[in-house]
Amino acid sequence: MSHPHRPAAVMFAVVALFLVTETTAADVPNFSTDIAPMLATKCSKCHGATRQKNDLRLDSAEAVQKGGKNGPIFVAGKPDQSPMWVRATKPPGDADRMPAEGQMLTKKQTDLLKAWIAAGAKFD
């Protein structure tokens, strides 16, 4: 004998899984629309086409993936091990804080960066 509510329960589980997946996918920052514009406004003065401190460029997906003189700037899936995020969240006055000049990233920007790295740092 089958349980009369089993088909409804299975359908509910499938729909719930789909909704959770859709919400999660929508919440993952996109490199082109979320991360690249932030890097352009906050980092390109020192890490752009005309100037590359520590041989690091942040003005293209390829350059971000390459890293700089000190190696990769992120570890996909691990923000706390990613120099890019760690340095962006250092307190004001810390010699390793980035950006070194100008205003720090906002909480919204650091949250986006962390979420992007945590989700695997995908380049669209």
PDB file of N, CA and C in Angstrom:
ATOM      1  N   MET A   1       0.820  -1.186   0.000  1.00  0.00           N
ATOM      2  CA  MET A   1       0.000   0.000   0.000  1.00  0.00           C
ATOM      3  C   MET A   1       0.863   1.247   0.000  1.00  0.00           C
ATOM      4  N   SER A   2       0.536   2.175  -0.836  1.00  0.00           N
ATOM      5  CA  SER A   2       1.297   3.416  -0.848  1.00  0.00           C
ATOM      6  C   SER A   2       0.600   4.450   0.015  1.00  0.00           C
ATOM      7  N   HIS A   3       1.386   5.342   0.508  1.00  0.00           N
ATOM      8  CA  HIS A   3       0.863   6.414   1.358  1.00  0.00           C
ATOM      9  C   HIS A   3       0.204   7.462   0.464  1.00  0.00           C
ATOM     10  N   PRO A   4      -1.025   7.917   0.789  1.00  0.00           N
ATOM     11  CA  PRO A   4      -1.734   8.833  -0.102  1.00  0.00           C
ATOM     12  C   PRO A   4      -1.077  10.199  -0.257  1.00  0.00           C
ATOM     13  N   HIS A   5      -0.242  10.606   0.677  1.00  0.00           N
ATOM     14  CA  HIS A   5       0.376  11.936   0.607  1.00  0.00           C
ATOM     15  C   HIS A   5       1.794  11.911   0.038  1.00  0.00           C
ATOM     16  N   ARG A   6       2.296  10.734  -0.281  1.00  0.00           N
ATOM     17  CA  ARG A   6       3.668  10.615  -0.761  1.00  0.00           C
ATOM     18  C   ARG A   6       3.928  11.416  -2.040  1.00  0.00           C
ATOM     19  N   PRO A   7       3.099  11.339  -3.080  1.00  0.00           N
ATOM     20  CA  PRO A   7       3.367  12.126  -4.293  1.00  0.00           C
ATOM     21  C   PRO A   7       3.421  13.631  -4.016  1.00  0.00           C
ATOM     22  N   ALA A   8       2.551  14.109  -3.167  1.00  0.00           N
ATOM     23  CA  ALA A   8       2.550  15.541  -2.837  1.00  0.00           C
ATOM     24  C   ALA A   8       3.820  15.913  -2.080  1.00  0.00           C
ATOM     25  N   ALA A   9       4.256  15.064  -1.181  1.00  0.00           N
ATOM     26  CA  ALA A   9       5.469  15.342  -0.410  1.00  0.00           C
ATOM     27  C   ALA A   9       6.698  15.358  -1.312  1.00  0.00           C
ATOM     28  N   VAL A  10       6.756  14.429  -2.243  1.00  0.00           N
ATOM     29  CA  VAL A  10       7.878  14.385  -3.180  1.00  0.00           C
ATOM     30  C   VAL A  10       7.880  15.634  -4.052  1.00  0.00           C
ATOM     31  N   MET A  11       6.720  16.017  -4.552  1.00  0.00           N
ATOM     32  CA  MET A  11       6.619  17.213  -5.388  1.00  0.00           C
ATOM     33  C   MET A  11       7.032  18.456  -4.596  1.00  0.00           C
ATOM     34  N   PHE A  12       6.596  18.550  -3.350  1.00  0.00           N
ATOM     35  CA  PHE A  12       6.970  19.684  -2.506  1.00  0.00           C
ATOM     36  C   PHE A  12       8.488  19.737  -2.334  1.00  0.00           C
ATOM     37  N   ALA A  13       9.110  18.596  -2.083  1.00  0.00           N
ATOM     38  CA  ALA A  13      10.564  18.549  -1.892  1.00  0.00           C
ATOM     39  C   ALA A  13      11.298  18.992  -3.149  1.00  0.00           C
ATOM     40  N   VAL A  14      10.828  18.566  -4.307  1.00  0.00           N
ATOM     41  CA  VAL A  14      11.464  18.949  -5.573  1.00  0.00           C
ATOM     42  C   VAL A  14      11.336  20.448  -5.800  1.00  0.00           C
ATOM     43  N   VAL A  15      10.153  20.998  -5.582  1.00  0.00           N
ATOM     44  CA  VAL A  15       9.937  22.439  -5.761  1.00  0.00           C
ATOM     45  C   VAL A  15      10.782  23.226  -4.769  1.00  0.00           C
ATOM     46  N   ALA A  16      10.832  22.791  -3.513  1.00  0.00           N
ATOM     47  CA  ALA A  16      11.629  23.487  -2.504  1.00  0.00           C
ATOM     48  C   ALA A  16      13.105  23.474  -2.878  1.00  0.00           C
ATOM     49  N   LEU A  17      13.606  22.355  -3.350  1.00  0.00           N
ATOM     50  CA  LEU A  17      15.004  22.262  -3.768  1.00  0.00           C
ATOM     51  C   LEU A  17      15.281  23.204  -4.929  1.00  0.00           C
ATOM     52  N   PHE A  18      14.375  23.265  -5.889  1.00  0.00           N
ATOM     53  CA  PHE A  18      14.526  24.166  -7.028  1.00  0.00           C
ATOM     54  C   PHE A  18      14.566  25.619  -6.568  1.00  0.00           C
ATOM     55  N   LEU A  19      13.672  25.992  -5.660  1.00  0.00           N
ATOM     56  CA  LEU A  19      13.627  27.378  -5.178  1.00  0.00           C
ATOM     57  C   LEU A  19      14.889  27.746  -4.415  1.00  0.00           C
ATOM     58  N   VAL A  20      15.383  26.843  -3.596  1.00  0.00           N
ATOM     59  CA  VAL A  20      16.618  27.108  -2.853  1.00  0.00           C
ATOM     60  C   VAL A  20      17.779  27.267  -3.821  1.00  0.00           C
ATOM     61  N   THR A  21      17.863  26.417  -4.821  1.00  0.00           N
ATOM     62  CA  THR A  21      18.930  26.504  -5.812  1.00  0.00           C
ATOM     63  C   THR A  21      18.847  27.812  -6.580  1.00  0.00           C
ATOM     64  N   GLU A  22      17.657  28.204  -6.989  1.00  0.00           N
ATOM     65  CA  GLU A  22      17.486  29.454  -7.729  1.00  0.00           C
ATOM     66  C   GLU A  22      17.879  30.652  -6.882  1.00  0.00           C
ATOM     67  N   THR A  23      17.457  30.676  -5.627  1.00  0.00           N
ATOM     68  CA  THR A  23      17.792  31.788  -4.746  1.00  0.00           C
ATOM     69  C   THR A  23      19.298  31.853  -4.535  1.00  0.00           C
ATOM     70  N   THR A  24      19.925  30.710  -4.304  1.00  0.00           N
ATOM     71  CA  THR A  24      21.357  30.686  -4.083  1.00  0.00           C
ATOM     72  C   THR A  24      22.108  31.167  -5.319  1.00  0.00           C
ATOM     73  N   ALA A  25      21.716  30.707  -6.486  1.00  0.00           N
ATOM     74  CA  ALA A  25      22.389  31.122  -7.716  1.00  0.00           C
ATOM     75  C   ALA A  25      22.246  32.620  -7.933  1.00  0.00           C
ATOM     76  N   ALA A  26      21.101  33.171  -7.602  1.00  0.00           N
ATOM     77  CA  ALA A  26      20.883  34.607  -7.782  1.00  0.00           C
ATOM     78  C   ALA A  26      21.709  35.422  -6.797  1.00  0.00           C
ATOM     79  N   ASP A  27      22.038  34.841  -5.655  1.00  0.00           N
ATOM     80  CA  ASP A  27      22.784  35.560  -4.631  1.00  0.00           C
ATOM     81  C   ASP A  27      24.289  35.549  -4.861  1.00  0.00           C
ATOM     82  N   VAL A  28      24.773  34.710  -5.751  1.00  0.00           N
ATOM     83  CA  VAL A  28      26.207  34.632  -6.019  1.00  0.00           C
ATOM     84  C   VAL A  28      26.614  35.822  -6.881  1.00  0.00           C
ATOM     85  N   PRO A  29      27.563  36.626  -6.398  1.00  0.00           N
ATOM     86  CA  PRO A  29      28.010  37.765  -7.205  1.00  0.00           C
ATOM     87  C   PRO A  29      28.616  37.318  -8.532  1.00  0.00           C
ATOM     88  N   ASN A  30      28.443  38.144  -9.522  1.00  0.00           N
ATOM     89  CA  ASN A  30      28.934  37.902 -10.869  1.00  0.00           C
ATOM     90  C   ASN A  30      30.201  38.735 -11.073  1.00  0.00           C
ATOM     91  N   PHE A  31      31.242  38.145 -11.640  1.00  0.00           N
ATOM     92  CA  PHE A  31      32.486  38.886 -11.807  1.00  0.00           C
ATOM     93  C   PHE A  31      32.287  40.139 -12.654  1.00  0.00           C
ATOM     94  N   SER A  32      31.670  40.000 -13.815  1.00  0.00           N
ATOM     95  CA  SER A  32      31.541  41.136 -14.743  1.00  0.00           C
ATOM     96  C   SER A  32      30.686  42.268 -14.207  1.00  0.00           C
ATOM     97  N   THR A  33      29.592  41.933 -13.530  1.00  0.00           N
ATOM     98  CA  THR A  33      28.670  42.981 -13.092  1.00  0.00           C
ATOM     99  C   THR A  33      28.881  43.449 -11.664  1.00  0.00           C
ATOM    100  N   ASP A  34      29.475  42.627 -10.809  1.00  0.00           N
ATOM    101  CA  ASP A  34      29.647  42.991  -9.400  1.00  0.00           C
ATOM    102  C   ASP A  34      31.103  43.253  -9.003  1.00  0.00           C
ATOM    103  N   ILE A  35      31.996  42.365  -9.387  1.00  0.00           N
ATOM    104  CA  ILE A  35      33.383  42.436  -8.915  1.00  0.00           C
ATOM    105  C   ILE A  35      34.239  43.352  -9.787  1.00  0.00           C
ATOM    106  N   ALA A  36      34.204  43.186 -11.096  1.00  0.00           N
ATOM    107  CA  ALA A  36      35.039  44.005 -11.991  1.00  0.00           C
ATOM    108  C   ALA A  36      34.794  45.505 -11.823  1.00  0.00           C
ATOM    109  N   PRO A  37      33.536  45.978 -11.744  1.00  0.00           N
ATOM    110  CA  PRO A  37      33.335  47.423 -11.544  1.00  0.00           C
ATOM    111  C   PRO A  37      33.912  47.921 -10.217  1.00  0.00           C
ATOM    112  N   MET A  38      33.822  47.095  -9.175  1.00  0.00           N
ATOM    113  CA  MET A  38      34.390  47.465  -7.881  1.00  0.00           C
ATOM    114  C   MET A  38      35.915  47.562  -7.989  1.00  0.00           C
ATOM    115  N   LEU A  39      36.546  46.613  -8.649  1.00  0.00           N
ATOM    116  CA  LEU A  39      37.996  46.650  -8.825  1.00  0.00           C
ATOM    117  C   LEU A  39      38.402  47.867  -9.652  1.00  0.00           C
ATOM    118  N   ALA A  40      37.599  48.208 -10.644  1.00  0.00           N
ATOM    119  CA  ALA A  40      37.903  49.366 -11.493  1.00  0.00           C
ATOM    120  C   ALA A  40      37.886  50.663 -10.691  1.00  0.00           C
ATOM    121  N   THR A  41      36.929  50.805  -9.792  1.00  0.00           N
ATOM    122  CA  THR A  41      36.834  52.058  -9.031  1.00  0.00           C
ATOM    123  C   THR A  41      37.761  52.096  -7.828  1.00  0.00           C
ATOM    124  N   LYS A  42      38.040  50.958  -7.226  1.00  0.00           N
ATOM    125  CA  LYS A  42      38.818  50.947  -5.987  1.00  0.00           C
ATOM    126  C   LYS A  42      40.284  50.552  -6.157  1.00  0.00           C
ATOM    127  N   CYS A  43      40.621  49.855  -7.248  1.00  0.00           N
ATOM    128  CA  CYS A  43      41.957  49.262  -7.344  1.00  0.00           C
ATOM    129  C   CYS A  43      42.778  49.683  -8.561  1.00  0.00           C
ATOM    130  N   SER A  44      42.116  50.182  -9.599  1.00  0.00           N
ATOM    131  CA  SER A  44      42.819  50.404 -10.868  1.00  0.00           C
ATOM    132  C   SER A  44      43.856  51.521 -10.815  1.00  0.00           C
ATOM    133  N   LYS A  45      43.764  52.418  -9.848  1.00  0.00           N
ATOM    134  CA  LYS A  45      44.757  53.488  -9.741  1.00  0.00           C
ATOM    135  C   LYS A  45      46.166  52.907  -9.529  1.00  0.00           C
ATOM    136  N   CYS A  46      46.247  51.864  -8.739  1.00  0.00           N
ATOM    137  CA  CYS A  46      47.548  51.241  -8.452  1.00  0.00           C
ATOM    138  C   CYS A  46      47.749  49.896  -9.156  1.00  0.00           C
ATOM    139  N   HIS A  47      46.655  49.286  -9.610  1.00  0.00           N
ATOM    140  CA  HIS A  47      46.741  47.952 -10.212  1.00  0.00           C
ATOM    141  C   HIS A  47      45.968  47.901 -11.528  1.00  0.00           C
ATOM    142  N   GLY A  48      46.194  48.881 -12.385  1.00  0.00           N
ATOM    143  CA  GLY A  48      45.492  48.955 -13.663  1.00  0.00           C
ATOM    144  C   GLY A  48      46.438  48.891 -14.842  1.00  0.00           C
ATOM    145  N   ALA A  49      45.985  49.390 -15.965  1.00  0.00           N
ATOM    146  CA  ALA A  49      46.753  49.318 -17.211  1.00  0.00           C
ATOM    147  C   ALA A  49      48.019  50.164 -17.177  1.00  0.00           C
ATOM    148  N   THR A  50      47.997  51.298 -16.480  1.00  0.00           N
ATOM    149  CA  THR A  50      49.160  52.189 -16.499  1.00  0.00           C
ATOM    150  C   THR A  50      50.095  52.003 -15.311  1.00  0.00           C
ATOM    151  N   ARG A  51      49.630  51.384 -14.266  1.00  0.00           N
ATOM    152  CA  ARG A  51      50.461  51.188 -13.074  1.00  0.00           C
ATOM    153  C   ARG A  51      50.123  49.828 -12.467  1.00  0.00           C
ATOM    154  N   GLN A  52      51.165  49.049 -12.154  1.00  0.00           N
ATOM    155  CA  GLN A  52      50.950  47.720 -11.584  1.00  0.00           C
ATOM    156  C   GLN A  52      51.853  47.496 -10.379  1.00  0.00           C
ATOM    157  N   LYS A  53      51.445  47.995  -9.224  1.00  0.00           N
ATOM    158  CA  LYS A  53      52.228  47.746  -8.012  1.00  0.00           C
ATOM    159  C   LYS A  53      52.327  46.239  -7.794  1.00  0.00           C
ATOM    160  N   ASN A  54      53.520  45.783  -7.447  1.00  0.00           N
ATOM    161  CA  ASN A  54      53.793  44.354  -7.222  1.00  0.00           C
ATOM    162  C   ASN A  54      53.394  43.479  -8.411  1.00  0.00           C
ATOM    163  N   ASP A  55      53.535  44.043  -9.613  1.00  0.00           N
ATOM    164  CA  ASP A  55      53.201  43.314 -10.845  1.00  0.00           C
ATOM    165  C   ASP A  55      51.775  42.767 -10.832  1.00  0.00           C
ATOM    166  N   LEU A  56      50.875  43.466 -10.153  1.00  0.00           N
ATOM    167  CA  LEU A  56      49.493  43.018 -10.039  1.00  0.00           C
ATOM    168  C   LEU A  56      48.565  43.951 -10.799  1.00  0.00           C
ATOM    169  N   ARG A  57      47.837  43.352 -11.741  1.00  0.00           N
ATOM    170  CA  ARG A  57      46.795  44.089 -12.471  1.00  0.00           C
ATOM    171  C   ARG A  57      45.443  43.510 -12.075  1.00  0.00           C
ATOM    172  N   LEU A  58      44.482  44.410 -11.907  1.00  0.00           N
ATOM    173  CA  LEU A  58      43.139  43.984 -11.542  1.00  0.00           C
ATOM    174  C   LEU A  58      42.106  44.544 -12.512  1.00  0.00           C
ATOM    175  N   ASP A  59      42.533  44.810 -13.737  1.00  0.00           N
ATOM    176  CA  ASP A  59      41.646  45.439 -14.710  1.00  0.00           C
ATOM    177  C   ASP A  59      41.080  44.467 -15.742  1.00  0.00           C
ATOM    178  N   SER A  60      41.279  43.179 -15.551  1.00  0.00           N
ATOM    179  CA  SER A  60      40.674  42.178 -16.435  1.00  0.00           C
ATOM    180  C   SER A  60      40.571  40.856 -15.680  1.00  0.00           C
ATOM    181  N   ALA A  61      39.673  40.016 -16.141  1.00  0.00           N
ATOM    182  CA  ALA A  61      39.508  38.704 -15.518  1.00  0.00           C
ATOM    183  C   ALA A  61      40.809  37.907 -15.593  1.00  0.00           C
ATOM    184  N   GLU A  62      41.480  37.970 -16.738  1.00  0.00           N
ATOM    185  CA  GLU A  62      42.733  37.231 -16.915  1.00  0.00           C
ATOM    186  C   GLU A  62      43.793  37.703 -15.922  1.00  0.00           C
ATOM    187  N   ALA A  63      43.880  39.010 -15.731  1.00  0.00           N
ATOM    188  CA  ALA A  63      44.877  39.563 -14.811  1.00  0.00           C
ATOM    189  C   ALA A  63      44.570  39.174 -13.371  1.00  0.00           C
ATOM    190  N   VAL A  64      43.300  39.199 -12.987  1.00  0.00           N
ATOM    191  CA  VAL A  64      42.910  38.820 -11.628  1.00  0.00           C
ATOM    192  C   VAL A  64      43.259  37.353 -11.391  1.00  0.00           C
ATOM    193  N   GLN A  65      43.016  36.508 -12.375  1.00  0.00           N
ATOM    194  CA  GLN A  65      43.333  35.084 -12.245  1.00  0.00           C
ATOM    195  C   GLN A  65      44.835  34.847 -12.147  1.00  0.00           C
ATOM    196  N   LYS A  66      45.610  35.667 -12.827  1.00  0.00           N
ATOM    197  CA  LYS A  66      47.068  35.507 -12.849  1.00  0.00           C
ATOM    198  C   LYS A  66      47.703  35.845 -11.504  1.00  0.00           C
ATOM    199  N   GLY A  67      47.198  36.889 -10.845  1.00  0.00           N
ATOM    200  CA  GLY A  67      47.825  37.326  -9.605  1.00  0.00           C
ATOM    201  C   GLY A  67      48.994  38.245  -9.892  1.00  0.00           C
ATOM    202  N   GLY A  68      49.880  38.388  -8.927  1.00  0.00           N
ATOM    203  CA  GLY A  68      50.998  39.313  -9.081  1.00  0.00           C
ATOM    204  C   GLY A  68      52.303  38.730  -8.596  1.00  0.00           C
ATOM    205  N   LYS A  69      53.214  39.605  -8.232  1.00  0.00           N
ATOM    206  CA  LYS A  69      54.548  39.211  -7.782  1.00  0.00           C
ATOM    207  C   LYS A  69      54.490  38.249  -6.591  1.00  0.00           C
ATOM    208  N   ASN A  70      53.501  38.428  -5.738  1.00  0.00           N
ATOM    209  CA  ASN A  70      53.378  37.587  -4.549  1.00  0.00           C
ATOM    210  C   ASN A  70      52.481  36.372  -4.754  1.00  0.00           C
ATOM    211  N   GLY A  71      52.120  36.097  -6.002  1.00  0.00           N
ATOM    212  CA  GLY A  71      51.320  34.917  -6.295  1.00  0.00           C
ATOM    213  C   GLY A  71      49.847  35.212  -6.461  1.00  0.00           C
ATOM    214  N   PRO A  72      49.018  34.167  -6.377  1.00  0.00           N
ATOM    215  CA  PRO A  72      47.574  34.332  -6.547  1.00  0.00           C
ATOM    216  C   PRO A  72      46.997  35.249  -5.467  1.00  0.00           C
ATOM    217  N   ILE A  73      45.925  35.954  -5.834  1.00  0.00           N
ATOM    218  CA  ILE A  73      45.321  36.872  -4.863  1.00  0.00           C
ATOM    219  C   ILE A  73      44.052  36.306  -4.246  1.00  0.00           C
ATOM    220  N   PHE A  74      43.619  35.132  -4.697  1.00  0.00           N
ATOM    221  CA  PHE A  74      42.464  34.497  -4.075  1.00  0.00           C
ATOM    222  C   PHE A  74      42.605  32.984  -4.133  1.00  0.00           C
ATOM    223  N   VAL A  75      41.939  32.336  -3.182  1.00  0.00           N
ATOM    224  CA  VAL A  75      41.836  30.885  -3.161  1.00  0.00           C
ATOM    225  C   VAL A  75      40.349  30.594  -3.313  1.00  0.00           C
ATOM    226  N   ALA A  76      39.954  30.086  -4.467  1.00  0.00           N
ATOM    227  CA  ALA A  76      38.537  29.844  -4.741  1.00  0.00           C
ATOM    228  C   ALA A  76      37.906  29.019  -3.627  1.00  0.00           C
ATOM    229  N   GLY A  77      36.797  29.524  -3.105  1.00  0.00           N
ATOM    230  CA  GLY A  77      36.081  28.840  -2.041  1.00  0.00           C
ATOM    231  C   GLY A  77      36.572  29.158  -0.646  1.00  0.00           C
ATOM    232  N   LYS A  78      37.665  29.927  -0.532  1.00  0.00           N
ATOM    233  CA  LYS A  78      38.262  30.180   0.785  1.00  0.00           C
ATOM    234  C   LYS A  78      38.633  31.655   0.960  1.00  0.00           C
ATOM    235  N   PRO A  79      37.656  32.509   1.258  1.00  0.00           N
ATOM    236  CA  PRO A  79      37.954  33.937   1.415  1.00  0.00           C
ATOM    237  C   PRO A  79      39.004  34.216   2.497  1.00  0.00           C
ATOM    238  N   ASP A  80      38.929  33.487   3.615  1.00  0.00           N
ATOM    239  CA  ASP A  80      39.860  33.746   4.714  1.00  0.00           C
ATOM    240  C   ASP A  80      41.304  33.407   4.369  1.00  0.00           C
ATOM    241  N   GLN A  81      41.518  32.656   3.281  1.00  0.00           N
ATOM    242  CA  GLN A  81      42.867  32.333   2.817  1.00  0.00           C
ATOM    243  C   GLN A  81      43.229  33.118   1.561  1.00  0.00           C
ATOM    244  N   SER A  82      42.377  34.066   1.202  1.00  0.00           N
ATOM    245  CA  SER A  82      42.558  34.846  -0.027  1.00  0.00           C
ATOM    246  C   SER A  82      43.122  36.222   0.283  1.00  0.00           C
ATOM    247  N   PRO A  83      44.372  36.489  -0.114  1.00  0.00           N
ATOM    248  CA  PRO A  83      44.972  37.794   0.171  1.00  0.00           C
ATOM    249  C   PRO A  83      44.100  38.972  -0.269  1.00  0.00           C
ATOM    250  N   MET A  84      43.399  38.820  -1.369  1.00  0.00           N
ATOM    251  CA  MET A  84      42.548  39.895  -1.871  1.00  0.00           C
ATOM    252  C   MET A  84      41.499  40.303  -0.833  1.00  0.00           C
ATOM    253  N   TRP A  85      40.816  39.340  -0.245  1.00  0.00           N
ATOM    254  CA  TRP A  85      39.773  39.636   0.737  1.00  0.00           C
ATOM    255  C   TRP A  85      40.380  40.004   2.088  1.00  0.00           C
ATOM    256  N   VAL A  86      41.410  39.287   2.505  1.00  0.00           N
ATOM    257  CA  VAL A  86      42.042  39.562   3.797  1.00  0.00           C
ATOM    258  C   VAL A  86      42.553  40.999   3.843  1.00  0.00           C
ATOM    259  N   ARG A  87      43.225  41.438   2.788  1.00  0.00           N
ATOM    260  CA  ARG A  87      43.789  42.794   2.772  1.00  0.00           C
ATOM    261  C   ARG A  87      42.713  43.862   2.645  1.00  0.00           C
ATOM    262  N   ALA A  88      41.633  43.546   1.961  1.00  0.00           N
ATOM    263  CA  ALA A  88      40.533  44.508   1.802  1.00  0.00           C
ATOM    264  C   ALA A  88      39.770  44.722   3.105  1.00  0.00           C
ATOM    265  N   THR A  89      39.907  43.800   4.051  1.00  0.00           N
ATOM    266  CA  THR A  89      39.157  43.909   5.305  1.00  0.00           C
ATOM    267  C   THR A  89      40.042  44.248   6.506  1.00  0.00           C
ATOM    268  N   LYS A  90      41.295  44.568   6.258  1.00  0.00           N
ATOM    269  CA  LYS A  90      42.167  44.995   7.361  1.00  0.00           C
ATOM    270  C   LYS A  90      41.688  46.352   7.873  1.00  0.00           C
ATOM    271  N   PRO A  91      41.954  46.650   9.135  1.00  0.00           N
ATOM    272  CA  PRO A  91      41.478  47.926   9.698  1.00  0.00           C
ATOM    273  C   PRO A  91      42.234  49.130   9.134  1.00  0.00           C
ATOM    274  N   PRO A  92      41.608  50.306   9.190  1.00  0.00           N
ATOM    275  CA  PRO A  92      42.300  51.524   8.746  1.00  0.00           C
ATOM    276  C   PRO A  92      43.620  51.678   9.496  1.00  0.00           C
ATOM    277  N   GLY A  93      44.634  52.118   8.795  1.00  0.00           N
ATOM    278  CA  GLY A  93      45.945  52.311   9.407  1.00  0.00           C
ATOM    279  C   GLY A  93      46.854  51.101   9.307  1.00  0.00           C
ATOM    280  N   ASP A  94      46.320  49.931   9.018  1.00  0.00           N
ATOM    281  CA  ASP A  94      47.139  48.734   8.848  1.00  0.00           C
ATOM    282  C   ASP A  94      47.931  48.882   7.552  1.00  0.00           C
ATOM    283  N   ALA A  95      49.226  48.642   7.609  1.00  0.00           N
ATOM    284  CA  ALA A  95      50.101  48.824   6.444  1.00  0.00           C
ATOM    285  C   ALA A  95      49.735  47.908   5.278  1.00  0.00           C
ATOM    286  N   ASP A  96      49.069  46.796   5.544  1.00  0.00           N
ATOM    287  CA  ASP A  96      48.704  45.845   4.493  1.00  0.00           C
ATOM    288  C   ASP A  96      47.291  46.050   3.946  1.00  0.00           C
ATOM    289  N   ARG A  97      46.589  47.046   4.429  1.00  0.00           N
ATOM    290  CA  ARG A  97      45.212  47.293   3.986  1.00  0.00           C
ATOM    291  C   ARG A  97      45.183  47.714   2.528  1.00  0.00           C
ATOM    292  N   MET A  98      44.188  47.217   1.821  1.00  0.00           N
ATOM    293  CA  MET A  98      43.967  47.629   0.437  1.00  0.00           C
ATOM    294  C   MET A  98      42.527  48.103   0.305  1.00  0.00           C
ATOM    295  N   PRO A  99      42.284  49.124  -0.450  1.00  0.00           N
ATOM    296  CA  PRO A  99      43.285  49.916  -1.152  1.00  0.00           C
ATOM    297  C   PRO A  99      44.126  50.739  -0.176  1.00  0.00           C
ATOM    298  N   ALA A 100      45.394  50.876  -0.514  1.00  0.00           N
ATOM    299  CA  ALA A 100      46.318  51.610   0.350  1.00  0.00           C
ATOM    300  C   ALA A 100      46.009  53.101   0.346  1.00  0.00           C
ATOM    301  N   GLU A 101      45.494  53.583  -0.778  1.00  0.00           N
ATOM    302  CA  GLU A 101      45.145  54.995  -0.915  1.00  0.00           C
ATOM    303  C   GLU A 101      43.644  55.099  -1.145  1.00  0.00           C
ATOM    304  N   GLY A 102      43.063  56.164  -0.658  1.00  0.00           N
ATOM    305  CA  GLY A 102      41.633  56.362  -0.884  1.00  0.00           C
ATOM    306  C   GLY A 102      40.787  55.653   0.152  1.00  0.00           C
ATOM    307  N   GLN A 103      39.485  55.620  -0.124  1.00  0.00           N
ATOM    308  CA  GLN A 103      38.547  55.036   0.822  1.00  0.00           C
ATOM    309  C   GLN A 103      38.545  53.517   0.766  1.00  0.00           C
ATOM    310  N   MET A 104      38.335  52.932   1.931  1.00  0.00           N
ATOM    311  CA  MET A 104      38.228  51.482   2.038  1.00  0.00           C
ATOM    312  C   MET A 104      36.990  51.003   1.291  1.00  0.00           C
ATOM    313  N   LEU A 105      36.946  49.735   1.015  1.00  0.00           N
ATOM    314  CA  LEU A 105      35.742  49.145   0.457  1.00  0.00           C
ATOM    315  C   LEU A 105      34.638  49.228   1.505  1.00  0.00           C
ATOM    316  N   THR A 106      33.416  49.400   1.047  1.00  0.00           N
ATOM    317  CA  THR A 106      32.280  49.428   1.958  1.00  0.00           C
ATOM    318  C   THR A 106      31.990  48.011   2.437  1.00  0.00           C
ATOM    319  N   LYS A 107      31.157  47.889   3.457  1.00  0.00           N
ATOM    320  CA  LYS A 107      30.772  46.564   3.939  1.00  0.00           C
ATOM    321  C   LYS A 107      30.079  45.791   2.826  1.00  0.00           C
ATOM    322  N   LYS A 108      29.231  46.455   2.062  1.00  0.00           N
ATOM    323  CA  LYS A 108      28.549  45.790   0.946  1.00  0.00           C
ATOM    324  C   LYS A 108      29.568  45.256  -0.057  1.00  0.00           C
ATOM    325  N   GLN A 109      30.611  46.037  -0.342  1.00  0.00           N
ATOM    326  CA  GLN A 109      31.633  45.606  -1.294  1.00  0.00           C
ATOM    327  C   GLN A 109      32.446  44.434  -0.756  1.00  0.00           C
ATOM    328  N   THR A 110      32.837  44.483   0.522  1.00  0.00           N
ATOM    329  CA  THR A 110      33.597  43.357   1.080  1.00  0.00           C
ATOM    330  C   THR A 110      32.717  42.114   1.173  1.00  0.00           C
ATOM    331  N   ASP A 111      31.425  42.301   1.450  1.00  0.00           N
ATOM    332  CA  ASP A 111      30.509  41.155   1.470  1.00  0.00           C
ATOM    333  C   ASP A 111      30.394  40.527   0.082  1.00  0.00           C
ATOM    334  N   LEU A 112      30.307  41.370  -0.960  1.00  0.00           N
ATOM    335  CA  LEU A 112      30.251  40.862  -2.338  1.00  0.00           C
ATOM    336  C   LEU A 112      31.521  40.090  -2.680  1.00  0.00           C
ATOM    337  N   LEU A 113      32.664  40.664  -2.337  1.00  0.00           N
ATOM    338  CA  LEU A 113      33.947  40.026  -2.625  1.00  0.00           C
ATOM    339  C   LEU A 113      34.047  38.678  -1.911  1.00  0.00           C
ATOM    340  N   LYS A 114      33.664  38.665  -0.645  1.00  0.00           N
ATOM    341  CA  LYS A 114      33.711  37.420   0.128  1.00  0.00           C
ATOM    342  C   LYS A 114      32.777  36.371  -0.474  1.00  0.00           C
ATOM    343  N   ALA A 115      31.560  36.779  -0.818  1.00  0.00           N
ATOM    344  CA  ALA A 115      30.590  35.839  -1.395  1.00  0.00           C
ATOM    345  C   ALA A 115      31.081  35.294  -2.734  1.00  0.00           C
ATOM    346  N   TRP A 116      31.699  36.155  -3.543  1.00  0.00           N
ATOM    347  CA  TRP A 116      32.217  35.722  -4.844  1.00  0.00           C
ATOM    348  C   TRP A 116      33.323  34.683  -4.663  1.00  0.00           C
ATOM    349  N   ILE A 117      34.254  34.962  -3.769  1.00  0.00           N
ATOM    350  CA  ILE A 117      35.349  34.015  -3.525  1.00  0.00           C
ATOM    351  C   ILE A 117      34.797  32.724  -2.924  1.00  0.00           C
ATOM    352  N   ALA A 118      33.902  32.845  -1.939  1.00  0.00           N
ATOM    353  CA  ALA A 118      33.327  31.664  -1.280  1.00  0.00           C
ATOM    354  C   ALA A 118      32.584  30.765  -2.267  1.00  0.00           C
ATOM    355  N   ALA A 119      31.968  31.375  -3.280  1.00  0.00           N
ATOM    356  CA  ALA A 119      31.220  30.608  -4.282  1.00  0.00           C
ATOM    357  C   ALA A 119      32.119  30.021  -5.368  1.00  0.00           C
ATOM    358  N   GLY A 120      33.421  30.194  -5.235  1.00  0.00           N
ATOM    359  CA  GLY A 120      34.346  29.591  -6.195  1.00  0.00           C
ATOM    360  C   GLY A 120      35.056  30.569  -7.102  1.00  0.00           C
ATOM    361  N   ALA A 121      34.822  31.872  -6.910  1.00  0.00           N
ATOM    362  CA  ALA A 121      35.499  32.917  -7.700  1.00  0.00           C
ATOM    363  C   ALA A 121      35.424  32.619  -9.194  1.00  0.00           C
ATOM    364  N   LYS A 122      34.220  32.443  -9.664  1.00  0.00           N
ATOM    365  CA  LYS A 122      34.022  32.131 -11.088  1.00  0.00           C
ATOM    366  C   LYS A 122      34.048  33.406 -11.923  1.00  0.00           C
ATOM    367  N   PHE A 123      34.588  33.284 -13.113  1.00  0.00           N
ATOM    368  CA  PHE A 123      34.709  34.416 -14.027  1.00  0.00           C
ATOM    369  C   PHE A 123      33.659  34.299 -15.126  1.00  0.00           C
ATOM    370  N   ASP A 124      32.400  34.336 -14.695  1.00  0.00           N
ATOM    371  CA  ASP A 124      31.222  34.279 -15.562  1.00  0.00           C
ATOM    372  C   ASP A 124      31.318  33.073 -16.404  1.00  0.00           C
TER     373      ASP A 124
END
